[in-house]
Amino acid sequence: TEKLWAAINERKDMIGLITEVSFPNNMDWLAEVSGHLTPKRLKTQVDQLKGRKYPLFLSHMKPNFVDVLQKEVAAEGIKDYRILKVGEVLEL
């Protein structure tokens, strides 16, 4: 993913980034083996985006964990994000 973040950092026309956060921090083992993110893992990825001036759109939250994921994302200090709802359509 380092190459992906480097390519994104080179772009000057980014208007948003859709990514996922699926499992709470206490399920890091499951996130790792399944290739998904926890809020803590998301934070380490977001920190690689230099000078980000566009919103993050978060998707793929497991329904059982939505409340805890919202709290953990906020606690990580991630700025300018929005949690997408099932079926929501974005016009960018």
Protein backbone atom coordinates (compact mmCIF):
# COMPACT_ATOMS: atom_id res chain seq x y z
CA THR A 1 0.00 0.00 0.00
CA GLU A 2 2.98 2.34 0.27
CA LYS A 3 2.98 2.72 -3.52
CA LEU A 4 -0.72 3.56 -3.44
CA TRP A 5 -0.25 6.29 -0.81
CA ALA A 6 2.73 7.69 -2.73
CA ALA A 7 0.63 7.88 -5.91
CA ILE A 8 -2.23 9.56 -4.02
CA ASN A 9 0.18 12.04 -2.45
CA GLU A 10 1.38 13.07 -5.91
CA ARG A 11 -2.14 13.93 -7.05
CA LYS A 12 -3.32 17.51 -6.70
CA ASP A 13 -6.89 16.83 -7.80
CA MET A 14 -8.11 14.50 -5.04
CA ILE A 15 -11.65 15.32 -3.94
CA GLY A 16 -12.17 12.36 -1.62
CA LEU A 17 -10.97 8.90 -0.71
CA ILE A 18 -13.19 5.91 0.00
CA THR A 19 -11.66 3.35 2.34
CA GLU A 20 -12.88 0.81 4.83
CA VAL A 21 -12.71 0.13 8.53
CA SER A 22 -14.27 -3.20 9.42
CA PHE A 23 -13.27 -4.39 12.87
CA PRO A 24 -12.70 -2.78 16.29
CA ASN A 25 -9.15 -2.40 17.59
CA ASN A 26 -9.53 -5.40 19.91
CA MET A 27 -10.05 -7.61 16.83
CA ASP A 28 -6.78 -6.61 15.18
CA TRP A 29 -5.85 -10.26 14.63
CA LEU A 30 -8.98 -10.80 12.54
CA ALA A 31 -8.48 -7.59 10.59
CA GLU A 32 -4.92 -8.65 9.78
CA VAL A 33 -5.75 -12.15 8.56
CA SER A 34 -8.76 -10.96 6.56
CA GLY A 35 -7.04 -7.95 4.98
CA HIS A 36 -9.24 -5.32 6.63
CA LEU A 37 -8.62 -2.29 8.81
CA THR A 38 -9.25 -1.41 12.42
CA PRO A 39 -9.41 2.27 13.44
CA LYS A 40 -5.78 2.06 14.63
CA ARG A 41 -4.66 0.51 11.34
CA LEU A 42 -6.68 3.13 9.45
CA LYS A 43 -4.88 5.89 11.37
CA THR A 44 -1.46 4.55 10.36
CA GLN A 45 -2.60 4.52 6.73
CA VAL A 46 -4.16 8.01 6.88
CA ASP A 47 -0.97 9.37 8.45
CA GLN A 48 0.81 8.55 5.18
CA LEU A 49 -1.41 10.98 3.27
CA LYS A 50 0.63 14.19 3.25
CA GLY A 51 -1.27 17.45 3.53
CA ARG A 52 -4.64 15.79 3.01
CA LYS A 53 -7.29 18.41 2.18
CA TYR A 54 -10.06 16.07 1.12
CA PRO A 55 -12.52 13.95 3.09
CA LEU A 56 -12.31 10.27 3.85
CA PHE A 57 -15.44 8.23 3.26
CA LEU A 58 -15.48 5.17 5.50
CA SER A 59 -17.34 2.04 4.48
CA HIS A 60 -17.59 -1.69 5.15
CA MET A 61 -18.28 -1.42 8.88
CA LYS A 62 -19.54 -4.69 10.24
CA PRO A 63 -23.07 -4.04 11.56
CA ASN A 64 -22.35 -5.51 15.00
CA PHE A 65 -19.48 -3.06 15.49
CA VAL A 66 -20.77 0.23 14.06
CA ASP A 67 -21.10 2.00 17.43
CA VAL A 68 -17.69 0.97 18.74
CA LEU A 69 -16.04 1.70 15.36
CA GLN A 70 -17.47 5.23 15.33
CA LYS A 71 -16.06 5.86 18.82
CA GLU A 72 -12.67 4.33 18.02
CA VAL A 73 -12.26 6.26 14.75
CA ALA A 74 -12.99 9.49 16.63
CA ALA A 75 -10.59 8.50 19.42
CA GLU A 76 -7.78 7.96 16.89
CA GLY A 77 -8.02 11.65 16.00
CA ILE A 78 -8.76 11.07 12.33
CA LYS A 79 -10.06 14.33 10.89
CA ASP A 80 -12.49 15.10 8.08
CA TYR A 81 -14.24 11.79 7.59
CA ARG A 82 -17.75 10.61 7.00
CA ILE A 83 -19.20 7.17 7.57
CA LEU A 84 -21.09 5.94 4.54
CA LYS A 85 -24.49 4.36 4.94
CA VAL A 86 -25.56 1.19 3.14
CA GLY A 87 -26.91 2.13 -0.27
CA GLU A 88 -25.69 5.73 -0.07
CA VAL A 89 -24.76 7.29 -3.39
CA LEU A 90 -21.92 9.81 -3.56
CA GLU A 91 -21.73 12.48 -6.21
CA LEU A 92 -18.17 13.69 -6.44
